[in-house]
Amino acid sequence: MNQWYEELFTNYSKSYDNEPFTMGTLNECNFIEGEINHNKSIKILDVGCGTGRHSIELAKRGYTVTGIDLSDDQLNRAREKAHNENVIVSFIKKDARNFNFDKEFDLAIMICEGAFSLMETDEMNFQILVNIKNSLKSDGKLILTCLNALFPLVNNIKEFLNEEGQLISDSSFDLITFREYQKFSAPDDDGNLRKLSSNERFYAPSEISWMLKSIGFKTIDILGCAIGDWSRNKKLSPNNFEMLVVAE
C-alpha cells in the first residue's frame, strides 16, 4: 500500500508547480548562491527535488546539479522543464532513505519538506540526514527547511494552512510525538479532488541541532523563514511555520 505522500505526488506535477509555496524559488536560490559564495565549481545535490524548481534555477545560473526524488511523475515533469529551459540536470529516481553518493557533493539542499518530515518514523527521517552527510565532502554544507515544532504551540495549523489555500478538513497535533495528523483534499492534474490523510513530523530546533551534530556536522545555524524570504538576519520565532537550517 502506498503512503499518503506517494499518492499525493502521483499525477500532481503540474498542479504542484502552481502551488503558492513554489513562488519563492528565485529568492531562495539567491540565498543558496550566497551561502556558497557564487562558486560555480561546486556540485549540488537536491534531495526530494520534486519538479526540479530549485535544481533547474540553479542549473540556469551555471551550477552542476543532481536531483533525486521518489516520484516518477515529479521527475518526468522536472526533466521536461529542464529540456524546455535548455539546461542539463541529472534527475534520478532514488528513495531518500536509501542512497549514498559517497562524498561526491559540496552542497546538499532539501527544501519544502523534500522527503524529510514526511516519513512515517523518526528513524527514517534521521536516516535521510545520515545519507546526505555520507554524500557530502568533508567540508560540505547542507541547507534544509523543515516544519517548526514551536509553531503549533502558539498557532492553529488548520487555520494557517487554509488561509494559505490548502483544503484541510481535520487536523490534530500530538504534543508527545510532535506529529501533525491531517485530513485534506488535493486536486490532481486532471482536476479530480483526492482525499488524503497525512502524518508529518515537526521538529524542535534543539532536535535538529542534536541530530546534525551526532552525525558529524560542526556548525548548525537555525533561522526563521517564509516562502521566498530567507536571510541570515531572520531569527526563528514560534510564528515561523518552517525553519531554515544551514549546517557545515
C-alpha atoms as a PDB file:
ATOM      1  CA  MET A   1       0.000   0.000   0.000  1.00  0.00           C
ATOM      2  CA  ASN A   2       1.355   3.412  -0.966  1.00  0.00           C
ATOM      3  CA  GLN A   3       1.982   6.048   1.670  1.00  0.00           C
ATOM      4  CA  TRP A   4      -0.005   9.292   1.557  1.00  0.00           C
ATOM      5  CA  TYR A   5       2.883  11.271   0.071  1.00  0.00           C
ATOM      6  CA  GLU A   6       3.238   8.743  -2.761  1.00  0.00           C
ATOM      7  CA  GLU A   7      -0.458   9.147  -3.565  1.00  0.00           C
ATOM      8  CA  LEU A   8      -0.220  12.941  -3.327  1.00  0.00           C
ATOM      9  CA  PHE A   9       2.703  13.235  -5.735  1.00  0.00           C
ATOM     10  CA  THR A  10       1.158  10.982  -8.391  1.00  0.00           C
ATOM     11  CA  ASN A  11      -0.418  12.939 -11.267  1.00  0.00           C
ATOM     12  CA  TYR A  12       0.220  16.158  -9.371  1.00  0.00           C
ATOM     13  CA  SER A  13       3.300  17.647 -11.003  1.00  0.00           C
ATOM     14  CA  LYS A  14       1.592  20.443 -12.976  1.00  0.00           C
ATOM     15  CA  SER A  15      -0.673  21.284 -10.040  1.00  0.00           C
ATOM     16  CA  TYR A  16       2.374  21.301  -7.764  1.00  0.00           C
ATOM     17  CA  ASP A  17       4.084  23.964  -9.863  1.00  0.00           C
ATOM     18  CA  ASN A  18       1.098  26.260  -9.349  1.00  0.00           C
ATOM     19  CA  GLU A  19       1.000  25.923  -5.550  1.00  0.00           C
ATOM     20  CA  PRO A  20       1.625  29.176  -3.602  1.00  0.00           C
ATOM     21  CA  PHE A  21       4.610  27.672  -1.773  1.00  0.00           C
ATOM     22  CA  THR A  22       6.527  27.298  -5.046  1.00  0.00           C
ATOM     23  CA  MET A  23       6.535  31.033  -5.749  1.00  0.00           C
ATOM     24  CA  GLY A  24       9.660  31.840  -3.725  1.00  0.00           C
ATOM     25  CA  THR A  25      12.127  29.830  -5.796  1.00  0.00           C
ATOM     26  CA  LEU A  26      14.168  32.742  -7.207  1.00  0.00           C
ATOM     27  CA  ASN A  27      14.850  34.387  -3.843  1.00  0.00           C
ATOM     28  CA  GLU A  28      15.531  31.025  -2.211  1.00  0.00           C
ATOM     29  CA  CYS A  29      18.142  30.306  -4.878  1.00  0.00           C
ATOM     30  CA  ASN A  30      19.630  33.757  -4.246  1.00  0.00           C
ATOM     31  CA  PHE A  31      20.179  32.729  -0.616  1.00  0.00           C
ATOM     32  CA  ILE A  32      21.655  29.376  -1.656  1.00  0.00           C
ATOM     33  CA  GLU A  33      24.081  31.113  -4.015  1.00  0.00           C
ATOM     34  CA  GLY A  34      25.174  33.462  -1.243  1.00  0.00           C
ATOM     35  CA  GLU A  35      25.880  30.517   1.047  1.00  0.00           C
ATOM     36  CA  ILE A  36      28.287  29.020  -1.496  1.00  0.00           C
ATOM     37  CA  ASN A  37      29.834  32.354  -2.469  1.00  0.00           C
ATOM     38  CA  HIS A  38      28.604  32.001  -6.065  1.00  0.00           C
ATOM     39  CA  ASN A  39      31.220  29.278  -6.617  1.00  0.00           C
ATOM     40  CA  LYS A  40      30.206  27.641  -9.898  1.00  0.00           C
ATOM     41  CA  SER A  41      32.670  24.778  -9.486  1.00  0.00           C
ATOM     42  CA  ILE A  42      30.753  23.048  -6.713  1.00  0.00           C
ATOM     43  CA  LYS A  43      28.388  20.091  -7.142  1.00  0.00           C
ATOM     44  CA  ILE A  44      24.898  20.362  -5.660  1.00  0.00           C
ATOM     45  CA  LEU A  45      22.563  17.560  -4.564  1.00  0.00           C
ATOM     46  CA  ASP A  46      18.834  18.377  -4.376  1.00  0.00           C
ATOM     47  CA  VAL A  47      17.107  15.804  -2.141  1.00  0.00           C
ATOM     48  CA  GLY A  48      13.376  15.463  -2.728  1.00  0.00           C
ATOM     49  CA  CYS A  49      13.726  17.690  -5.786  1.00  0.00           C
ATOM     50  CA  GLY A  50      10.112  17.302  -6.905  1.00  0.00           C
ATOM     51  CA  THR A  51       9.549  19.026 -10.241  1.00  0.00           C
ATOM     52  CA  GLY A  52      13.062  20.458 -10.076  1.00  0.00           C
ATOM     53  CA  ARG A  53      12.269  24.085  -9.369  1.00  0.00           C
ATOM     54  CA  HIS A  54      15.452  24.744  -7.359  1.00  0.00           C
ATOM     55  CA  SER A  55      17.612  22.352  -9.382  1.00  0.00           C
ATOM     56  CA  ILE A  56      16.659  23.935 -12.687  1.00  0.00           C
ATOM     57  CA  GLU A  57      17.038  27.502 -11.464  1.00  0.00           C
ATOM     58  CA  LEU A  58      20.499  26.745 -10.060  1.00  0.00           C
ATOM     59  CA  ALA A  59      21.480  24.989 -13.305  1.00  0.00           C
ATOM     60  CA  LYS A  60      20.371  28.087 -15.236  1.00  0.00           C
ATOM     61  CA  ARG A  61      22.794  30.048 -13.069  1.00  0.00           C
ATOM     62  CA  GLY A  62      25.661  27.761 -14.036  1.00  0.00           C
ATOM     63  CA  TYR A  63      25.778  25.134 -11.288  1.00  0.00           C
ATOM     64  CA  THR A  64      26.125  21.360 -11.646  1.00  0.00           C
ATOM     65  CA  VAL A  65      23.067  19.823 -10.000  1.00  0.00           C
ATOM     66  CA  THR A  66      21.750  16.328  -9.346  1.00  0.00           C
ATOM     67  CA  GLY A  67      18.152  15.972  -8.199  1.00  0.00           C
ATOM     68  CA  ILE A  68      16.707  12.860  -6.566  1.00  0.00           C
ATOM     69  CA  ASP A  69      13.091  12.039  -5.829  1.00  0.00           C
ATOM     70  CA  LEU A  70      10.828   9.045  -5.238  1.00  0.00           C
ATOM     71  CA  SER A  71       8.061  10.149  -7.621  1.00  0.00           C
ATOM     72  CA  ASP A  72       8.236   9.211 -11.301  1.00  0.00           C
ATOM     73  CA  ASP A  73       5.588  11.805 -12.080  1.00  0.00           C
ATOM     74  CA  GLN A  74       7.527  14.636 -10.429  1.00  0.00           C
ATOM     75  CA  LEU A  75      10.800  13.554 -12.047  1.00  0.00           C
ATOM     76  CA  ASN A  76       9.261  13.334 -15.521  1.00  0.00           C
ATOM     77  CA  ARG A  77       7.935  16.865 -15.122  1.00  0.00           C
ATOM     78  CA  ALA A  78      11.371  18.025 -13.917  1.00  0.00           C
ATOM     79  CA  ARG A  79      13.085  16.504 -16.968  1.00  0.00           C
ATOM     80  CA  GLU A  80      10.511  18.117 -19.264  1.00  0.00           C
ATOM     81  CA  LYS A  81      11.059  21.532 -17.682  1.00  0.00           C
ATOM     82  CA  ALA A  82      14.847  21.209 -17.829  1.00  0.00           C
ATOM     83  CA  HIS A  83      14.627  20.326 -21.525  1.00  0.00           C
ATOM     84  CA  ASN A  84      12.376  23.311 -22.179  1.00  0.00           C
ATOM     85  CA  GLU A  85      14.773  25.602 -20.301  1.00  0.00           C
ATOM     86  CA  ASN A  86      17.730  24.117 -22.234  1.00  0.00           C
ATOM     87  CA  VAL A  87      19.666  23.196 -19.092  1.00  0.00           C
ATOM     88  CA  ILE A  88      21.256  19.931 -18.016  1.00  0.00           C
ATOM     89  CA  VAL A  89      20.274  18.478 -14.649  1.00  0.00           C
ATOM     90  CA  SER A  90      20.719  14.836 -13.678  1.00  0.00           C
ATOM     91  CA  PHE A  91      17.332  13.766 -12.296  1.00  0.00           C
ATOM     92  CA  ILE A  92      17.463  10.317 -10.704  1.00  0.00           C
ATOM     93  CA  LYS A  93      14.795   8.207  -9.029  1.00  0.00           C
ATOM     94  CA  LYS A  94      16.001   7.390  -5.528  1.00  0.00           C
ATOM     95  CA  ASP A  95      14.427   6.896  -2.136  1.00  0.00           C
ATOM     96  CA  ALA A  96      15.923   9.453   0.265  1.00  0.00           C
ATOM     97  CA  ARG A  97      16.036   6.736   2.932  1.00  0.00           C
ATOM     98  CA  ASN A  98      18.328   4.616   0.804  1.00  0.00           C
ATOM     99  CA  PHE A  99      21.062   6.352  -1.181  1.00  0.00           C
ATOM    100  CA  ASN A 100      24.769   7.121  -0.902  1.00  0.00           C
ATOM    101  CA  PHE A 101      26.838   9.125  -3.357  1.00  0.00           C
ATOM    102  CA  ASP A 102      29.992   8.643  -1.244  1.00  0.00           C
ATOM    103  CA  LYS A 103      31.284  12.181  -0.688  1.00  0.00           C
ATOM    104  CA  GLU A 104      30.529  13.416  -4.214  1.00  0.00           C
ATOM    105  CA  PHE A 105      28.848  16.718  -3.373  1.00  0.00           C
ATOM    106  CA  ASP A 106      29.843  20.078  -1.934  1.00  0.00           C
ATOM    107  CA  LEU A 107      26.307  21.165  -1.074  1.00  0.00           C
ATOM    108  CA  ALA A 108      23.021  19.368  -0.402  1.00  0.00           C
ATOM    109  CA  ILE A 109      19.684  21.139  -0.331  1.00  0.00           C
ATOM    110  CA  MET A 110      16.406  19.703   0.971  1.00  0.00           C
ATOM    111  CA  ILE A 111      13.670  22.298   0.623  1.00  0.00           C
ATOM    112  CA  CYS A 112       9.961  22.456   1.423  1.00  0.00           C
ATOM    113  CA  GLU A 113       9.760  19.084   3.188  1.00  0.00           C
ATOM    114  CA  GLY A 114      11.649  17.382   0.397  1.00  0.00           C
ATOM    115  CA  ALA A 115      11.373  13.879   1.901  1.00  0.00           C
ATOM    116  CA  PHE A 116      12.371  14.993   5.410  1.00  0.00           C
ATOM    117  CA  SER A 117       9.442  15.429   7.836  1.00  0.00           C
ATOM    118  CA  LEU A 118       7.195  13.316   5.589  1.00  0.00           C
ATOM    119  CA  MET A 119       8.437   9.891   6.648  1.00  0.00           C
ATOM    120  CA  GLU A 120       6.444   7.595   8.909  1.00  0.00           C
ATOM    121  CA  THR A 121       9.078   7.226  11.627  1.00  0.00           C
ATOM    122  CA  ASP A 122      11.772   9.347  13.259  1.00  0.00           C
ATOM    123  CA  GLU A 123      14.313   6.697  12.307  1.00  0.00           C
ATOM    124  CA  MET A 124      13.502   7.156   8.614  1.00  0.00           C
ATOM    125  CA  ASN A 125      13.869  10.914   8.839  1.00  0.00           C
ATOM    126  CA  PHE A 126      17.187  10.518  10.658  1.00  0.00           C
ATOM    127  CA  GLN A 127      18.434   8.086   8.007  1.00  0.00           C
ATOM    128  CA  ILE A 128      17.834  10.732   5.344  1.00  0.00           C
ATOM    129  CA  LEU A 129      20.205  13.077   7.195  1.00  0.00           C
ATOM    130  CA  VAL A 130      22.790  10.303   7.508  1.00  0.00           C
ATOM    131  CA  ASN A 131      22.594   9.594   3.772  1.00  0.00           C
ATOM    132  CA  ILE A 132      23.072  13.270   2.985  1.00  0.00           C
ATOM    133  CA  LYS A 133      26.070  13.519   5.320  1.00  0.00           C
ATOM    134  CA  ASN A 134      27.661  10.492   3.640  1.00  0.00           C
ATOM    135  CA  SER A 135      27.135  12.063   0.217  1.00  0.00           C
ATOM    136  CA  LEU A 136      28.891  15.318   1.151  1.00  0.00           C
ATOM    137  CA  LYS A 137      32.594  16.058   1.032  1.00  0.00           C
ATOM    138  CA  SER A 138      34.316  16.630   4.380  1.00  0.00           C
ATOM    139  CA  ASP A 139      33.792  20.389   4.113  1.00  0.00           C
ATOM    140  CA  GLY A 140      30.310  20.073   2.623  1.00  0.00           C
ATOM    141  CA  LYS A 141      27.249  22.100   3.567  1.00  0.00           C
ATOM    142  CA  LEU A 142      23.573  21.285   3.998  1.00  0.00           C
ATOM    143  CA  ILE A 143      20.685  23.722   3.594  1.00  0.00           C
ATOM    144  CA  LEU A 144      17.259  22.444   4.561  1.00  0.00           C
ATOM    145  CA  THR A 145      13.864  23.659   5.626  1.00  0.00           C
ATOM    146  CA  CYS A 146      11.669  21.673   7.981  1.00  0.00           C
ATOM    147  CA  LEU A 147       8.483  22.062   9.976  1.00  0.00           C
ATOM    148  CA  ASN A 148       8.957  24.132  13.135  1.00  0.00           C
ATOM    149  CA  ALA A 149       7.584  22.467  16.291  1.00  0.00           C
ATOM    150  CA  LEU A 150       7.321  25.850  18.003  1.00  0.00           C
ATOM    151  CA  PHE A 151       4.613  26.915  15.548  1.00  0.00           C
ATOM    152  CA  PRO A 152       1.777  24.584  16.662  1.00  0.00           C
ATOM    153  CA  LEU A 153       2.338  25.547  20.298  1.00  0.00           C
ATOM    154  CA  VAL A 154       1.002  29.055  19.652  1.00  0.00           C
ATOM    155  CA  ASN A 155      -0.808  28.787  16.297  1.00  0.00           C
ATOM    156  CA  ASN A 156      -3.673  26.828  14.788  1.00  0.00           C
ATOM    157  CA  ILE A 157      -2.196  24.805  11.920  1.00  0.00           C
ATOM    158  CA  LYS A 158      -5.534  24.118  10.248  1.00  0.00           C
ATOM    159  CA  GLU A 159      -6.432  27.815  10.124  1.00  0.00           C
ATOM    160  CA  PHE A 160      -2.962  28.763   8.883  1.00  0.00           C
ATOM    161  CA  LEU A 161      -2.935  26.222   6.050  1.00  0.00           C
ATOM    162  CA  ASN A 162      -6.485  27.005   4.976  1.00  0.00           C
ATOM    163  CA  GLU A 163      -5.532  30.682   4.779  1.00  0.00           C
ATOM    164  CA  GLU A 164      -2.632  29.583   2.552  1.00  0.00           C
ATOM    165  CA  GLY A 165      -5.108  27.988   0.164  1.00  0.00           C
ATOM    166  CA  GLN A 166      -4.881  24.384   1.308  1.00  0.00           C
ATOM    167  CA  LEU A 167      -8.026  22.337   1.903  1.00  0.00           C
ATOM    168  CA  ILE A 168      -7.703  20.980   5.445  1.00  0.00           C
ATOM    169  CA  SER A 169     -10.840  19.355   6.849  1.00  0.00           C
ATOM    170  CA  ASP A 170      -9.388  17.982  10.086  1.00  0.00           C
ATOM    171  CA  SER A 171      -6.130  18.488  11.977  1.00  0.00           C
ATOM    172  CA  SER A 172      -4.613  17.376  15.266  1.00  0.00           C
ATOM    173  CA  PHE A 173      -1.154  17.856  16.757  1.00  0.00           C
ATOM    174  CA  ASP A 174       0.383  15.285  19.121  1.00  0.00           C
ATOM    175  CA  LEU A 175       2.462  17.051  21.784  1.00  0.00           C
ATOM    176  CA  ILE A 176       4.270  13.818  22.665  1.00  0.00           C
ATOM    177  CA  THR A 177       5.467  12.869  19.182  1.00  0.00           C
ATOM    178  CA  PHE A 178       5.380  16.344  17.551  1.00  0.00           C
ATOM    179  CA  ARG A 179       3.396  14.828  14.693  1.00  0.00           C
ATOM    180  CA  GLU A 180       0.586  16.563  12.861  1.00  0.00           C
ATOM    181  CA  TYR A 181      -2.256  14.395  11.564  1.00  0.00           C
ATOM    182  CA  GLN A 182      -4.414  15.896   8.843  1.00  0.00           C
ATOM    183  CA  LYS A 183      -7.277  15.041   6.543  1.00  0.00           C
ATOM    184  CA  PHE A 184      -7.119  17.185   3.446  1.00  0.00           C
ATOM    185  CA  SER A 185      -8.154  17.418  -0.198  1.00  0.00           C
ATOM    186  CA  ALA A 186      -5.759  17.964  -3.089  1.00  0.00           C
ATOM    187  CA  PRO A 187      -6.536  18.258  -6.818  1.00  0.00           C
ATOM    188  CA  ASP A 188      -4.635  16.104  -9.282  1.00  0.00           C
ATOM    189  CA  ASP A 189      -3.601  17.265 -12.744  1.00  0.00           C
ATOM    190  CA  ASP A 190      -6.938  16.108 -14.182  1.00  0.00           C
ATOM    191  CA  GLY A 191      -8.869  18.281 -11.744  1.00  0.00           C
ATOM    192  CA  ASN A 192     -10.007  15.397  -9.560  1.00  0.00           C
ATOM    193  CA  LEU A 193     -10.109  16.206  -5.841  1.00  0.00           C
ATOM    194  CA  ARG A 194      -8.453  13.467  -3.793  1.00  0.00           C
ATOM    195  CA  LYS A 195      -8.991  12.996  -0.082  1.00  0.00           C
ATOM    196  CA  LEU A 196      -5.803  12.096   1.803  1.00  0.00           C
ATOM    197  CA  SER A 197      -4.662  11.602   5.385  1.00  0.00           C
ATOM    198  CA  SER A 198      -1.181  12.851   6.214  1.00  0.00           C
ATOM    199  CA  ASN A 199       1.224  12.407   9.090  1.00  0.00           C
ATOM    200  CA  GLU A 200       4.112  14.882   9.271  1.00  0.00           C
ATOM    201  CA  ARG A 201       6.830  15.389  11.854  1.00  0.00           C
ATOM    202  CA  PHE A 202       7.521  18.864  13.259  1.00  0.00           C
ATOM    203  CA  TYR A 203      10.980  19.352  14.801  1.00  0.00           C
ATOM    204  CA  ALA A 204      12.187  21.443  17.700  1.00  0.00           C
ATOM    205  CA  PRO A 205      15.363  23.430  16.958  1.00  0.00           C
ATOM    206  CA  SER A 206      17.256  21.506  19.638  1.00  0.00           C
ATOM    207  CA  GLU A 207      16.327  18.192  17.997  1.00  0.00           C
ATOM    208  CA  ILE A 208      17.647  19.283  14.626  1.00  0.00           C
ATOM    209  CA  SER A 209      20.886  20.524  16.193  1.00  0.00           C
ATOM    210  CA  TRP A 210      21.392  17.282  18.100  1.00  0.00           C
ATOM    211  CA  MET A 211      20.741  15.072  15.065  1.00  0.00           C
ATOM    212  CA  LEU A 212      23.086  17.005  12.811  1.00  0.00           C
ATOM    213  CA  LYS A 213      25.852  17.202  15.417  1.00  0.00           C
ATOM    214  CA  SER A 214      25.528  13.485  16.170  1.00  0.00           C
ATOM    215  CA  ILE A 215      26.378  12.609  12.548  1.00  0.00           C
ATOM    216  CA  GLY A 216      29.312  14.969  12.220  1.00  0.00           C
ATOM    217  CA  PHE A 217      28.133  18.444  11.309  1.00  0.00           C
ATOM    218  CA  LYS A 218      30.090  21.005  13.318  1.00  0.00           C
ATOM    219  CA  THR A 219      28.236  24.277  12.773  1.00  0.00           C
ATOM    220  CA  ILE A 220      24.446  24.448  12.734  1.00  0.00           C
ATOM    221  CA  ASP A 221      22.579  27.728  12.244  1.00  0.00           C
ATOM    222  CA  ILE A 222      18.802  27.693  12.658  1.00  0.00           C
ATOM    223  CA  LEU A 223      16.879  30.624  11.216  1.00  0.00           C
ATOM    224  CA  GLY A 224      13.326  31.738  10.650  1.00  0.00           C
ATOM    225  CA  CYS A 225      11.994  31.719   7.112  1.00  0.00           C
ATOM    226  CA  ALA A 226       8.950  32.207   4.948  1.00  0.00           C
ATOM    227  CA  ILE A 227       8.280  31.476   1.276  1.00  0.00           C
ATOM    228  CA  GLY A 228      10.965  33.311  -0.717  1.00  0.00           C
ATOM    229  CA  ASP A 229      12.119  35.140   2.413  1.00  0.00           C
ATOM    230  CA  TRP A 230      15.383  33.578   3.556  1.00  0.00           C
ATOM    231  CA  SER A 231      18.005  35.602   5.378  1.00  0.00           C
ATOM    232  CA  ARG A 232      20.796  35.182   7.879  1.00  0.00           C
ATOM    233  CA  ASN A 233      19.186  38.093   9.745  1.00  0.00           C
ATOM    234  CA  LYS A 234      15.823  36.398  10.236  1.00  0.00           C
ATOM    235  CA  LYS A 235      15.612  34.933  13.751  1.00  0.00           C
ATOM    236  CA  LEU A 236      13.451  31.890  14.333  1.00  0.00           C
ATOM    237  CA  SER A 237      10.169  32.578  16.121  1.00  0.00           C
ATOM    238  CA  PRO A 238       7.106  30.491  17.060  1.00  0.00           C
ATOM    239  CA  ASN A 239       5.278  32.208  14.200  1.00  0.00           C
ATOM    240  CA  ASN A 240       7.538  30.657  11.551  1.00  0.00           C
ATOM    241  CA  PHE A 241       5.785  27.605  10.101  1.00  0.00           C
ATOM    242  CA  GLU A 242       9.164  26.372   8.839  1.00  0.00           C
ATOM    243  CA  MET A 243      12.716  26.847   9.986  1.00  0.00           C
ATOM    244  CA  LEU A 244      15.748  27.243   7.760  1.00  0.00           C
ATOM    245  CA  VAL A 245      18.782  25.186   8.766  1.00  0.00           C
ATOM    246  CA  VAL A 246      22.331  25.699   7.483  1.00  0.00           C
ATOM    247  CA  ALA A 247      24.834  23.055   8.606  1.00  0.00           C
ATOM    248  CA  GLU A 248      28.521  22.623   7.812  1.00  0.00           C
END
